[in-house]
C-alpha atoms as a PDB file:
ATOM      1  CA  UNK A   1      12.872  24.352   5.249  1.00  0.00           C
ATOM      2  CA  UNK A   2      14.302  22.563   2.113  1.00  0.00           C
ATOM      3  CA  UNK A   3      13.726  23.227  -1.511  1.00  0.00           C
ATOM      4  CA  UNK A   4      10.231  25.633  -2.771  1.00  0.00           C
ATOM      5  CA  UNK A   5       7.601  22.411  -3.936  1.00  0.00           C
ATOM      6  CA  UNK A   6       7.635  22.200  -7.762  1.00  0.00           C
ATOM      7  CA  UNK A   7       5.354  19.851  -8.589  1.00  0.00           C
ATOM      8  CA  UNK A   8       8.030  17.692 -10.983  1.00  0.00           C
ATOM      9  CA  UNK A   9       9.218  14.962  -9.886  1.00  0.00           C
ATOM     10  CA  UNK A  10      12.739  13.199 -10.134  1.00  0.00           C
ATOM     11  CA  UNK A  11      13.828   9.854 -10.226  1.00  0.00           C
ATOM     12  CA  UNK A  12      16.854   9.327  -8.444  1.00  0.00           C
ATOM     13  CA  UNK A  13      20.440   9.037 -10.074  1.00  0.00           C
ATOM     14  CA  UNK A  14      21.156   5.462  -9.395  1.00  0.00           C
ATOM     15  CA  UNK A  15      24.456   6.767  -6.484  1.00  0.00           C
ATOM     16  CA  UNK A  16      21.461   8.666  -5.050  1.00  0.00           C
ATOM     17  CA  UNK A  17      19.005   5.440  -4.814  1.00  0.00           C
ATOM     18  CA  UNK A  18      18.765   3.056  -1.864  1.00  0.00           C
ATOM     19  CA  UNK A  19      19.632   0.452  -4.215  1.00  0.00           C
ATOM     20  CA  UNK A  20      23.216   1.499  -4.774  1.00  0.00           C
ATOM     21  CA  UNK A  21      23.857   0.375  -0.993  1.00  0.00           C
ATOM     22  CA  UNK A  22      23.353  -2.984  -1.960  1.00  0.00           C
ATOM     23  CA  UNK A  23      26.298  -5.463  -2.900  1.00  0.00           C
ATOM     24  CA  UNK A  24      25.158  -7.851  -5.181  1.00  0.00           C
ATOM     25  CA  UNK A  25      21.511  -7.723  -5.855  1.00  0.00           C
ATOM     26  CA  UNK A  26      21.014 -10.397  -8.331  1.00  0.00           C
ATOM     27  CA  UNK A  27      21.705 -12.376  -5.449  1.00  0.00           C
ATOM     28  CA  UNK A  28      19.612 -11.028  -2.984  1.00  0.00           C
ATOM     29  CA  UNK A  29      16.625 -11.806  -5.487  1.00  0.00           C
ATOM     30  CA  UNK A  30      17.811 -14.804  -5.475  1.00  0.00           C
ATOM     31  CA  UNK A  31      17.898 -15.360  -1.601  1.00  0.00           C
ATOM     32  CA  UNK A  32      14.275 -13.412  -1.145  1.00  0.00           C
ATOM     33  CA  UNK A  33      13.084 -15.948  -4.044  1.00  0.00           C
ATOM     34  CA  UNK A  34      14.165 -18.875  -2.193  1.00  0.00           C
ATOM     35  CA  UNK A  35      13.037 -18.223   0.833  1.00  0.00           C
ATOM     36  CA  UNK A  36       9.416 -17.986  -0.189  1.00  0.00           C
ATOM     37  CA  UNK A  37       9.507 -20.049  -2.228  1.00  0.00           C
ATOM     38  CA  UNK A  38      12.014 -23.146  -2.109  1.00  0.00           C
ATOM     39  CA  UNK A  39      15.494 -23.433  -3.758  1.00  0.00           C
ATOM     40  CA  UNK A  40      13.758 -26.456  -5.715  1.00  0.00           C
ATOM     41  CA  UNK A  41      11.087 -24.498  -7.091  1.00  0.00           C
ATOM     42  CA  UNK A  42      13.511 -21.105  -7.979  1.00  0.00           C
ATOM     43  CA  UNK A  43      16.381 -23.385  -9.873  1.00  0.00           C
ATOM     44  CA  UNK A  44      13.282 -24.612 -12.429  1.00  0.00           C
ATOM     45  CA  UNK A  45      12.333 -20.671 -12.922  1.00  0.00           C
ATOM     46  CA  UNK A  46      14.018 -19.413 -16.322  1.00  0.00           C
ATOM     47  CA  UNK A  47      14.985 -15.849 -16.350  1.00  0.00           C
ATOM     48  CA  UNK A  48      13.663 -13.459 -18.800  1.00  0.00           C
ATOM     49  CA  UNK A  49      14.585  -9.545 -19.426  1.00  0.00           C
ATOM     50  CA  UNK A  50      12.672  -6.468 -17.704  1.00  0.00           C
ATOM     51  CA  UNK A  51      10.745  -5.955 -21.336  1.00  0.00           C
ATOM     52  CA  UNK A  52       9.398  -9.320 -20.739  1.00  0.00           C
ATOM     53  CA  UNK A  53       7.473  -9.461 -18.201  1.00  0.00           C
ATOM     54  CA  UNK A  54       4.894  -6.755 -19.732  1.00  0.00           C
ATOM     55  CA  UNK A  55       4.446  -9.826 -22.347  1.00  0.00           C
ATOM     56  CA  UNK A  56       4.081 -12.316 -19.159  1.00  0.00           C
ATOM     57  CA  UNK A  57       1.030 -10.257 -17.404  1.00  0.00           C
ATOM     58  CA  UNK A  58      -0.567  -9.316 -21.128  1.00  0.00           C
ATOM     59  CA  UNK A  59      -0.611 -13.416 -22.112  1.00  0.00           C
ATOM     60  CA  UNK A  60      -2.115 -14.364 -18.541  1.00  0.00           C
ATOM     61  CA  UNK A  61      -4.655 -11.615 -18.458  1.00  0.00           C
ATOM     62  CA  UNK A  62      -5.900 -13.053 -21.392  1.00  0.00           C
ATOM     63  CA  UNK A  63      -6.043 -16.503 -20.035  1.00  0.00           C
ATOM     64  CA  UNK A  64      -8.229 -15.316 -17.062  1.00  0.00           C
ATOM     65  CA  UNK A  65     -10.283 -13.273 -19.230  1.00  0.00           C
ATOM     66  CA  UNK A  66     -11.066 -15.772 -21.085  1.00  0.00           C
ATOM     67  CA  UNK A  67     -11.248 -18.288 -18.205  1.00  0.00           C
ATOM     68  CA  UNK A  68     -14.439 -16.184 -16.297  1.00  0.00           C
ATOM     69  CA  UNK A  69     -14.895 -13.788 -18.972  1.00  0.00           C
ATOM     70  CA  UNK A  70     -18.919 -14.965 -18.662  1.00  0.00           C
ATOM     71  CA  UNK A  71     -18.989 -13.496 -15.741  1.00  0.00           C
ATOM     72  CA  UNK A  72     -18.296 -10.156 -16.745  1.00  0.00           C
ATOM     73  CA  UNK A  73     -19.644 -10.038 -20.388  1.00  0.00           C
ATOM     74  CA  UNK A  74     -22.656  -8.053 -19.288  1.00  0.00           C
ATOM     75  CA  UNK A  75     -20.826  -5.554 -17.225  1.00  0.00           C
ATOM     76  CA  UNK A  76     -19.666  -1.792 -17.937  1.00  0.00           C
ATOM     77  CA  UNK A  77     -16.897  -0.097 -16.048  1.00  0.00           C
ATOM     78  CA  UNK A  78     -19.614   2.010 -13.668  1.00  0.00           C
ATOM     79  CA  UNK A  79     -21.064  -1.561 -12.705  1.00  0.00           C
ATOM     80  CA  UNK A  80     -17.734  -3.172 -11.249  1.00  0.00           C
ATOM     81  CA  UNK A  81     -17.141  -1.345  -7.951  1.00  0.00           C
ATOM     82  CA  UNK A  82     -20.764  -3.051  -7.083  1.00  0.00           C
ATOM     83  CA  UNK A  83     -20.251  -5.878  -8.389  1.00  0.00           C
ATOM     84  CA  UNK A  84     -17.481  -6.504  -6.333  1.00  0.00           C
ATOM     85  CA  UNK A  85     -19.467  -6.830  -3.562  1.00  0.00           C
ATOM     86  CA  UNK A  86     -19.466 -10.058  -2.352  1.00  0.00           C
ATOM     87  CA  UNK A  87     -23.769  -9.627  -2.377  1.00  0.00           C
ATOM     88  CA  UNK A  88     -23.734  -8.497  -5.909  1.00  0.00           C
ATOM     89  CA  UNK A  89     -23.113 -12.356  -7.023  1.00  0.00           C
ATOM     90  CA  UNK A  90     -21.238 -11.610  -9.937  1.00  0.00           C
ATOM     91  CA  UNK A  91     -18.038 -13.156  -7.679  1.00  0.00           C
ATOM     92  CA  UNK A  92     -19.785 -16.016  -6.911  1.00  0.00           C
ATOM     93  CA  UNK A  93     -19.952 -17.186 -10.965  1.00  0.00           C
ATOM     94  CA  UNK A  94     -15.691 -16.527 -10.768  1.00  0.00           C
ATOM     95  CA  UNK A  95     -15.912 -19.763  -7.970  1.00  0.00           C
END
């Protein structure tokens, strides 16, 4: 039934994408934001390019690390799952 599995994943072309069914994706995005956060708040947002989002998240991540770094400085990657448990006590340092 259908094509044989190859293990390869392909990205659909724009015409094959469900997004192609939308008449005005930008207007839809705006309406979704306004319904979630309010028209006034959305009007204060600054439009950025997709390429700038990584920079934004990196800056936010740096700020979080600066703010909460002391709670995690003694942890290794192996320790992280256990430290996330409420009984561990590390989470209380973030409050």
